[in-house]
Amino acid sequence: MTETRLTGTLPNMTVEILHQAEPESGAERMTIHLVARPDFQAALPLVGGLAQMPAMLALWQAPFQAWAQAVQAVAAPWMGAMGAGLPPRPAENAHPTLRGSGK
């Protein structure tokens, strides 16, 4: 495996780009590591206009939330189609035996 590493140090952030080639599997991998000290809020001035973009800032701070929302948006048509074949749910105030409590 061959590896190329590029590291840049800024006042409040270290950026590392790592490129790896795996000839035996025919694959390449590139990762970007951002390390902010003491936190990303202190490093925001280094990334210019990002502070003026609240939506992008939310993605920066919550990547898993953004990923979950993207997956939900992509899966929504299939989830709706799956639910279309199910019987309707009973009302919350229905009698317990009507809700399928098994009594």
Protein backbone atom coordinates (compact mmCIF):
# COMPACT_ATOMS: atom_id res chain seq x y z
CA MET A 1 0.00 0.00 0.00
CA THR A 2 1.37 3.41 -0.96
CA GLU A 3 0.55 6.41 1.17
CA THR A 4 0.83 10.17 0.66
CA ARG A 5 0.25 12.54 3.57
CA LEU A 6 -0.15 16.32 3.41
CA THR A 7 -0.40 18.30 6.65
CA GLY A 8 -1.10 22.00 7.07
CA THR A 9 -1.03 23.87 10.37
CA LEU A 10 -3.12 27.00 10.88
CA PRO A 11 -3.41 29.09 14.06
CA ASN A 12 -6.39 27.13 15.49
CA MET A 13 -6.62 24.16 13.14
CA THR A 14 -4.53 21.36 11.69
CA VAL A 15 -5.61 19.91 8.34
CA GLU A 16 -4.31 16.54 7.24
CA ILE A 17 -5.07 14.92 3.87
CA LEU A 18 -4.16 11.27 3.53
CA HIS A 19 -4.19 9.41 0.19
CA GLN A 20 -3.71 5.65 0.14
CA ALA A 21 -3.53 3.36 -2.88
CA GLU A 22 -4.04 -0.37 -2.45
CA PRO A 23 -2.72 -2.05 -5.63
CA GLU A 24 -3.66 -5.56 -4.49
CA SER A 25 -7.36 -4.63 -4.25
CA GLY A 26 -7.35 -1.92 -6.92
CA ALA A 27 -8.76 0.66 -4.51
CA GLU A 28 -7.86 4.19 -3.50
CA ARG A 29 -8.78 5.99 -0.30
CA MET A 30 -8.60 9.68 0.61
CA THR A 31 -9.38 11.04 4.06
CA ILE A 32 -9.36 14.58 5.39
CA HIS A 33 -8.80 15.12 9.10
CA LEU A 34 -9.58 18.45 10.74
CA VAL A 35 -8.35 19.06 14.27
CA ALA A 36 -9.41 22.35 15.87
CA ARG A 37 -7.94 23.75 19.07
CA PRO A 38 -9.61 24.54 21.40
CA ASP A 39 -12.75 23.92 19.27
CA PHE A 40 -14.24 24.51 15.81
CA GLN A 41 -15.90 27.74 16.95
CA ALA A 42 -12.42 29.25 17.45
CA ALA A 43 -11.36 28.02 13.99
CA LEU A 44 -14.37 29.43 12.11
CA PRO A 45 -12.65 32.68 11.06
CA LEU A 46 -10.10 30.56 9.17
CA VAL A 47 -12.75 29.13 6.87
CA GLY A 48 -14.03 32.50 5.70
CA GLY A 49 -17.69 32.78 4.77
CA LEU A 50 -18.73 29.60 6.56
CA ALA A 51 -19.80 31.59 9.62
CA GLN A 52 -22.36 33.46 7.51
CA MET A 53 -23.91 30.23 6.28
CA PRO A 54 -25.98 28.78 9.18
CA ALA A 55 -27.18 25.77 7.18
CA MET A 56 -23.62 24.81 6.24
CA LEU A 57 -22.48 25.42 9.83
CA ALA A 58 -25.17 23.04 11.06
CA LEU A 59 -23.84 20.38 8.68
CA TRP A 60 -20.29 21.02 9.92
CA GLN A 61 -21.30 20.54 13.55
CA ALA A 62 -23.75 17.67 13.12
CA PRO A 63 -22.68 15.39 10.26
CA PHE A 64 -24.60 12.38 11.57
CA GLN A 65 -27.82 14.40 11.75
CA ALA A 66 -27.30 15.56 8.18
CA TRP A 67 -26.64 11.99 7.06
CA ALA A 68 -29.79 10.73 8.82
CA GLN A 69 -31.91 13.44 7.18
CA ALA A 70 -30.49 12.62 3.76
CA VAL A 71 -31.21 8.91 4.22
CA GLN A 72 -34.77 9.69 5.37
CA ALA A 73 -35.35 11.90 2.33
CA VAL A 74 -34.07 9.25 -0.06
CA ALA A 75 -36.00 6.43 1.65
CA ALA A 76 -39.28 8.37 2.07
CA PRO A 77 -40.92 7.15 -1.17
CA TRP A 78 -40.20 3.51 -0.32
CA MET A 79 -41.29 3.89 3.30
CA GLY A 80 -44.56 5.46 2.15
CA ALA A 81 -45.12 2.63 -0.30
CA MET A 82 -44.46 0.03 2.39
CA GLY A 83 -46.95 1.68 4.74
CA ALA A 84 -49.63 1.87 2.04
CA GLY A 85 -50.31 -1.86 2.25
CA LEU A 86 -50.74 -1.91 6.03
CA PRO A 87 -54.10 -1.58 7.78
CA PRO A 88 -54.77 1.81 9.37
CA ARG A 89 -53.74 2.29 12.98
CA PRO A 90 -56.55 2.52 15.54
CA ALA A 91 -57.22 5.84 17.23
CA GLU A 92 -55.34 6.52 20.47
CA ASN A 93 -58.57 6.87 22.47
CA ALA A 94 -60.01 3.58 21.19
CA HIS A 95 -61.02 0.84 23.61
CA PRO A 96 -58.00 -1.30 24.73
CA THR A 97 -59.37 -4.45 23.10
CA LEU A 98 -59.68 -2.59 19.80
CA ARG A 99 -56.02 -1.55 19.94
CA GLY A 100 -54.88 -5.18 19.96
CA SER A 101 -53.73 -5.33 23.58
CA GLY A 102 -54.49 -9.05 23.66
CA LYS A 103 -57.03 -8.85 26.52
